[in-house]
Amino acid sequence: MDNNNLYKAKVDDLFDFELNPEDLKSFDLVQEGQNQFHIIKNNKSYKAQIISSDFEKKTFTISVNGSEHQIKLEDKYDALIQKMGLNAVLGNKMNEVKAPMPGLVLDITVEVGQTIQKGDALLILEAMKMENVIKASGEGTIKNIISSKGDAVNKGDILIELE
């Protein structure tokens, strides 16, 4: 098996498992609505819904048959960064916040002059009919808020500048 296409998933900080594209092909998956899916795996039926997502951190909250679960995904690059010991030095000081995907700015939760820490919510971006909370990947002070509530943004657009 090619480890380059391997994904690791941690569910509720309790269960770890690995997935590859071949594993995903074994699921019978039908989208039933916005972020709602019907899945059949090993002759068992599941109703799943994506409740929230943070693509930057690769974290998701999903509901499966009414039970909520927190999912953290890791790909080959995350594993390499961890293996090299670089994850301890990532994300201390931020200079700017860029849009991780195209979308619509629904809300901005910070103001100029505010000091932020890693994990603080900065703004809410709607993408693919899902609300995504964009959080700080490091620390800094808000220097300039370039985007405004209601703005349509493209992937990579600078939304907030920090000092």
C-alpha atoms as a PDB file:
ATOM      1  CA  MET A   1       0.000   0.000   0.000  1.00  0.00           C
ATOM      2  CA  ASP A   2       1.198   3.534  -0.837  1.00  0.00           C
ATOM      3  CA  ASN A   3       1.579   5.495   2.412  1.00  0.00           C
ATOM      4  CA  ASN A   4       1.503   8.768   0.458  1.00  0.00           C
ATOM      5  CA  ASN A   5      -2.278   8.493   0.137  1.00  0.00           C
ATOM      6  CA  LEU A   6      -2.848   7.398   3.734  1.00  0.00           C
ATOM      7  CA  TYR A   7      -4.951   9.548   6.064  1.00  0.00           C
ATOM      8  CA  LYS A   8      -5.040   9.179   9.811  1.00  0.00           C
ATOM      9  CA  ALA A   9      -8.169  10.080  11.754  1.00  0.00           C
ATOM     10  CA  LYS A  10      -8.628  10.588  15.475  1.00  0.00           C
ATOM     11  CA  VAL A  11     -12.225  10.364  16.698  1.00  0.00           C
ATOM     12  CA  ASP A  12     -13.169  11.996  20.020  1.00  0.00           C
ATOM     13  CA  ASP A  13      -9.497  11.713  21.135  1.00  0.00           C
ATOM     14  CA  LEU A  14     -10.301   8.031  21.812  1.00  0.00           C
ATOM     15  CA  PHE A  15     -10.009   6.121  18.556  1.00  0.00           C
ATOM     16  CA  ASP A  16      -7.289   6.276  15.896  1.00  0.00           C
ATOM     17  CA  PHE A  17      -7.617   4.687  12.496  1.00  0.00           C
ATOM     18  CA  GLU A  18      -6.138   4.953   9.019  1.00  0.00           C
ATOM     19  CA  LEU A  19      -7.912   5.414   5.707  1.00  0.00           C
ATOM     20  CA  ASN A  20      -6.730   5.222   2.136  1.00  0.00           C
ATOM     21  CA  PRO A  21      -8.650   5.922  -1.082  1.00  0.00           C
ATOM     22  CA  GLU A  22      -9.442   2.207  -1.486  1.00  0.00           C
ATOM     23  CA  ASP A  23     -11.130   2.140   1.937  1.00  0.00           C
ATOM     24  CA  LEU A  24     -13.325   5.068   0.923  1.00  0.00           C
ATOM     25  CA  LYS A  25     -14.472   3.225  -2.214  1.00  0.00           C
ATOM     26  CA  SER A  26     -15.973   0.485  -0.024  1.00  0.00           C
ATOM     27  CA  PHE A  27     -18.552   2.912   1.400  1.00  0.00           C
ATOM     28  CA  ASP A  28     -21.948   3.221  -0.263  1.00  0.00           C
ATOM     29  CA  LEU A  29     -22.486   6.951   0.214  1.00  0.00           C
ATOM     30  CA  VAL A  30     -25.445   9.058  -0.947  1.00  0.00           C
ATOM     31  CA  GLN A  31     -25.810  12.773  -0.253  1.00  0.00           C
ATOM     32  CA  GLU A  32     -29.330  13.440   1.018  1.00  0.00           C
ATOM     33  CA  GLY A  33     -29.180  17.159   1.651  1.00  0.00           C
ATOM     34  CA  GLN A  34     -26.894  19.979   2.613  1.00  0.00           C
ATOM     35  CA  ASN A  35     -24.062  18.303   4.562  1.00  0.00           C
ATOM     36  CA  GLN A  36     -26.244  15.210   5.140  1.00  0.00           C
ATOM     37  CA  PHE A  37     -25.374  11.721   3.972  1.00  0.00           C
ATOM     38  CA  HIS A  38     -26.693   8.170   4.046  1.00  0.00           C
ATOM     39  CA  ILE A  39     -23.904   5.601   4.327  1.00  0.00           C
ATOM     40  CA  ILE A  40     -23.998   1.824   4.063  1.00  0.00           C
ATOM     41  CA  LYS A  41     -20.895  -0.039   5.262  1.00  0.00           C
ATOM     42  CA  ASN A  42     -20.805  -3.799   5.906  1.00  0.00           C
ATOM     43  CA  ASN A  43     -24.591  -4.018   5.483  1.00  0.00           C
ATOM     44  CA  LYS A  44     -25.184  -1.400   8.221  1.00  0.00           C
ATOM     45  CA  SER A  45     -26.963   1.884   7.563  1.00  0.00           C
ATOM     46  CA  TYR A  46     -25.758   5.207   8.989  1.00  0.00           C
ATOM     47  CA  LYS A  47     -27.111   8.761   8.830  1.00  0.00           C
ATOM     48  CA  ALA A  48     -24.277  11.309   8.943  1.00  0.00           C
ATOM     49  CA  GLN A  49     -24.241  15.091   9.018  1.00  0.00           C
ATOM     50  CA  ILE A  50     -21.315  17.511   8.961  1.00  0.00           C
ATOM     51  CA  ILE A  51     -22.076  20.011  11.723  1.00  0.00           C
ATOM     52  CA  SER A  52     -18.950  22.173  11.524  1.00  0.00           C
ATOM     53  CA  SER A  53     -15.531  22.178   9.921  1.00  0.00           C
ATOM     54  CA  ASP A  54     -12.185  23.908  10.268  1.00  0.00           C
ATOM     55  CA  PHE A  55     -10.227  23.084   7.114  1.00  0.00           C
ATOM     56  CA  GLU A  56      -7.093  24.878   8.306  1.00  0.00           C
ATOM     57  CA  LYS A  57      -6.845  22.665  11.390  1.00  0.00           C
ATOM     58  CA  LYS A  58      -8.429  19.681   9.592  1.00  0.00           C
ATOM     59  CA  THR A  59     -11.030  19.260  12.335  1.00  0.00           C
ATOM     60  CA  PHE A  60     -14.687  18.407  11.895  1.00  0.00           C
ATOM     61  CA  THR A  61     -17.736  17.871  14.062  1.00  0.00           C
ATOM     62  CA  ILE A  62     -20.069  15.243  12.637  1.00  0.00           C
ATOM     63  CA  SER A  63     -23.212  13.541  13.808  1.00  0.00           C
ATOM     64  CA  VAL A  64     -23.596   9.812  13.061  1.00  0.00           C
ATOM     65  CA  ASN A  65     -27.007   8.353  13.858  1.00  0.00           C
ATOM     66  CA  GLY A  66     -27.582  11.225  16.298  1.00  0.00           C
ATOM     67  CA  SER A  67     -24.261  10.952  18.170  1.00  0.00           C
ATOM     68  CA  GLU A  68     -21.828  13.857  17.807  1.00  0.00           C
ATOM     69  CA  HIS A  69     -18.142  13.162  17.198  1.00  0.00           C
ATOM     70  CA  GLN A  70     -15.026  15.321  16.898  1.00  0.00           C
ATOM     71  CA  ILE A  71     -12.727  14.271  14.028  1.00  0.00           C
ATOM     72  CA  LYS A  72      -9.093  15.346  13.499  1.00  0.00           C
ATOM     73  CA  LEU A  73      -7.498  14.352  10.179  1.00  0.00           C
ATOM     74  CA  GLU A  74      -3.802  14.007   9.453  1.00  0.00           C
ATOM     75  CA  ASP A  75      -2.213  13.519   6.047  1.00  0.00           C
ATOM     76  CA  LYS A  76       1.318  12.604   4.950  1.00  0.00           C
ATOM     77  CA  TYR A  77       2.543  16.186   5.367  1.00  0.00           C
ATOM     78  CA  ASP A  78       1.296  16.428   8.961  1.00  0.00           C
ATOM     79  CA  ALA A  79       3.033  13.148   9.753  1.00  0.00           C
ATOM     80  CA  LEU A  80       6.270  14.395   8.166  1.00  0.00           C
ATOM     81  CA  ILE A  81       6.189  17.687  10.106  1.00  0.00           C
ATOM     82  CA  GLN A  82       5.612  15.799  13.349  1.00  0.00           C
ATOM     83  CA  LYS A  83       8.345  13.261  12.572  1.00  0.00           C
ATOM     84  CA  MET A  84      10.823  16.083  11.889  1.00  0.00           C
ATOM     85  CA  GLY A  85       9.850  17.841  15.129  1.00  0.00           C
ATOM     86  CA  LEU A  86       8.784  20.986  13.324  1.00  0.00           C
ATOM     87  CA  ASN A  87       5.290  21.169  14.793  1.00  0.00           C
ATOM     88  CA  ALA A  88       6.653  22.748  17.993  1.00  0.00           C
ATOM     89  CA  VAL A  89       7.933  25.800  16.094  1.00  0.00           C
ATOM     90  CA  LEU A  90       4.972  26.349  13.780  1.00  0.00           C
ATOM     91  CA  GLY A  91       2.567  29.232  14.163  1.00  0.00           C
ATOM     92  CA  ASN A  92       3.960  31.431  16.933  1.00  0.00           C
ATOM     93  CA  LYS A  93       3.821  34.891  15.329  1.00  0.00           C
ATOM     94  CA  MET A  94       1.238  35.702  12.655  1.00  0.00           C
ATOM     95  CA  ASN A  95       1.588  38.429  10.005  1.00  0.00           C
ATOM     96  CA  GLU A  96      -1.659  37.946   8.109  1.00  0.00           C
ATOM     97  CA  VAL A  97      -4.775  35.827   7.819  1.00  0.00           C
ATOM     98  CA  LYS A  98      -5.642  34.573   4.340  1.00  0.00           C
ATOM     99  CA  ALA A  99      -8.876  33.009   3.143  1.00  0.00           C
ATOM    100  CA  PRO A 100      -8.367  29.210   3.132  1.00  0.00           C
ATOM    101  CA  MET A 101     -11.130  28.863   0.508  1.00  0.00           C
ATOM    102  CA  PRO A 102     -13.442  31.070  -1.528  1.00  0.00           C
ATOM    103  CA  GLY A 103     -16.482  32.220   0.395  1.00  0.00           C
ATOM    104  CA  LEU A 104     -18.544  34.978   1.962  1.00  0.00           C
ATOM    105  CA  VAL A 105     -17.488  36.812   5.131  1.00  0.00           C
ATOM    106  CA  LEU A 106     -20.436  36.418   7.513  1.00  0.00           C
ATOM    107  CA  ASP A 107     -18.941  38.031  10.605  1.00  0.00           C
ATOM    108  CA  ILE A 108     -15.691  39.493  11.931  1.00  0.00           C
ATOM    109  CA  THR A 109     -15.123  38.822  15.639  1.00  0.00           C
ATOM    110  CA  VAL A 110     -11.995  40.958  16.211  1.00  0.00           C
ATOM    111  CA  GLU A 111     -11.148  44.656  15.971  1.00  0.00           C
ATOM    112  CA  VAL A 112      -8.073  46.731  15.176  1.00  0.00           C
ATOM    113  CA  GLY A 113      -5.662  46.883  18.120  1.00  0.00           C
ATOM    114  CA  GLN A 114      -6.925  43.640  19.680  1.00  0.00           C
ATOM    115  CA  THR A 115      -4.287  41.131  20.809  1.00  0.00           C
ATOM    116  CA  ILE A 116      -5.011  37.570  19.723  1.00  0.00           C
ATOM    117  CA  GLN A 117      -3.687  34.172  20.748  1.00  0.00           C
ATOM    118  CA  LYS A 118      -3.500  30.896  18.864  1.00  0.00           C
ATOM    119  CA  GLY A 119      -6.982  29.392  18.538  1.00  0.00           C
ATOM    120  CA  ASP A 120      -8.909  32.670  18.922  1.00  0.00           C
ATOM    121  CA  ALA A 121     -11.858  33.025  16.537  1.00  0.00           C
ATOM    122  CA  LEU A 122     -11.188  35.799  14.005  1.00  0.00           C
ATOM    123  CA  LEU A 123     -14.041  35.619  11.531  1.00  0.00           C
ATOM    124  CA  ILE A 124     -16.736  33.389  10.095  1.00  0.00           C
ATOM    125  CA  LEU A 125     -16.492  32.459   6.421  1.00  0.00           C
ATOM    126  CA  GLU A 126     -19.367  30.742   4.609  1.00  0.00           C
ATOM    127  CA  ALA A 127     -18.127  28.308   1.989  1.00  0.00           C
ATOM    128  CA  MET A 128     -20.134  25.582   0.243  1.00  0.00           C
ATOM    129  CA  LYS A 129     -23.144  26.489   2.446  1.00  0.00           C
ATOM    130  CA  MET A 130     -21.139  25.736   5.610  1.00  0.00           C
ATOM    131  CA  GLU A 131     -20.078  28.244   8.247  1.00  0.00           C
ATOM    132  CA  ASN A 132     -16.342  27.965   8.947  1.00  0.00           C
ATOM    133  CA  VAL A 133     -14.784  29.686  11.946  1.00  0.00           C
ATOM    134  CA  ILE A 134     -11.366  30.985  10.925  1.00  0.00           C
ATOM    135  CA  LYS A 135      -9.107  30.852  13.967  1.00  0.00           C
ATOM    136  CA  ALA A 136      -5.695  32.313  14.695  1.00  0.00           C
ATOM    137  CA  SER A 137      -2.833  29.933  13.960  1.00  0.00           C
ATOM    138  CA  GLY A 138      -0.528  32.036  16.134  1.00  0.00           C
ATOM    139  CA  GLU A 139      -0.419  35.235  18.114  1.00  0.00           C
ATOM    140  CA  GLY A 140      -0.303  38.910  17.232  1.00  0.00           C
ATOM    141  CA  THR A 141      -2.107  42.229  17.326  1.00  0.00           C
ATOM    142  CA  ILE A 142      -4.736  43.170  14.745  1.00  0.00           C
ATOM    143  CA  LYS A 143      -3.179  45.898  12.549  1.00  0.00           C
ATOM    144  CA  ASN A 144      -5.776  46.144   9.774  1.00  0.00           C
ATOM    145  CA  ILE A 145      -9.017  44.367   8.873  1.00  0.00           C
ATOM    146  CA  ILE A 146      -9.103  44.298   5.084  1.00  0.00           C
ATOM    147  CA  SER A 147     -12.325  42.354   4.562  1.00  0.00           C
ATOM    148  CA  SER A 148     -15.772  43.463   5.682  1.00  0.00           C
ATOM    149  CA  LYS A 149     -18.919  41.635   6.663  1.00  0.00           C
ATOM    150  CA  GLY A 150     -20.675  40.561   3.437  1.00  0.00           C
ATOM    151  CA  ASP A 151     -17.516  40.523   1.279  1.00  0.00           C
ATOM    152  CA  ALA A 152     -17.025  37.699  -1.216  1.00  0.00           C
ATOM    153  CA  VAL A 153     -13.396  36.515  -0.997  1.00  0.00           C
ATOM    154  CA  ASN A 154     -11.186  34.199  -3.032  1.00  0.00           C
ATOM    155  CA  LYS A 155      -8.810  31.568  -1.703  1.00  0.00           C
ATOM    156  CA  GLY A 156      -5.585  33.251  -0.633  1.00  0.00           C
ATOM    157  CA  ASP A 157      -7.061  36.754  -0.244  1.00  0.00           C
ATOM    158  CA  ILE A 158      -5.610  38.590   2.755  1.00  0.00           C
ATOM    159  CA  LEU A 159      -8.456  39.172   5.227  1.00  0.00           C
ATOM    160  CA  ILE A 160      -6.617  40.538   8.281  1.00  0.00           C
ATOM    161  CA  GLU A 161      -3.140  41.982   8.780  1.00  0.00           C
ATOM    162  CA  LEU A 162      -1.313  41.601  12.099  1.00  0.00           C
ATOM    163  CA  GLU A 163       1.741  43.089  13.765  1.00  0.00           C
END
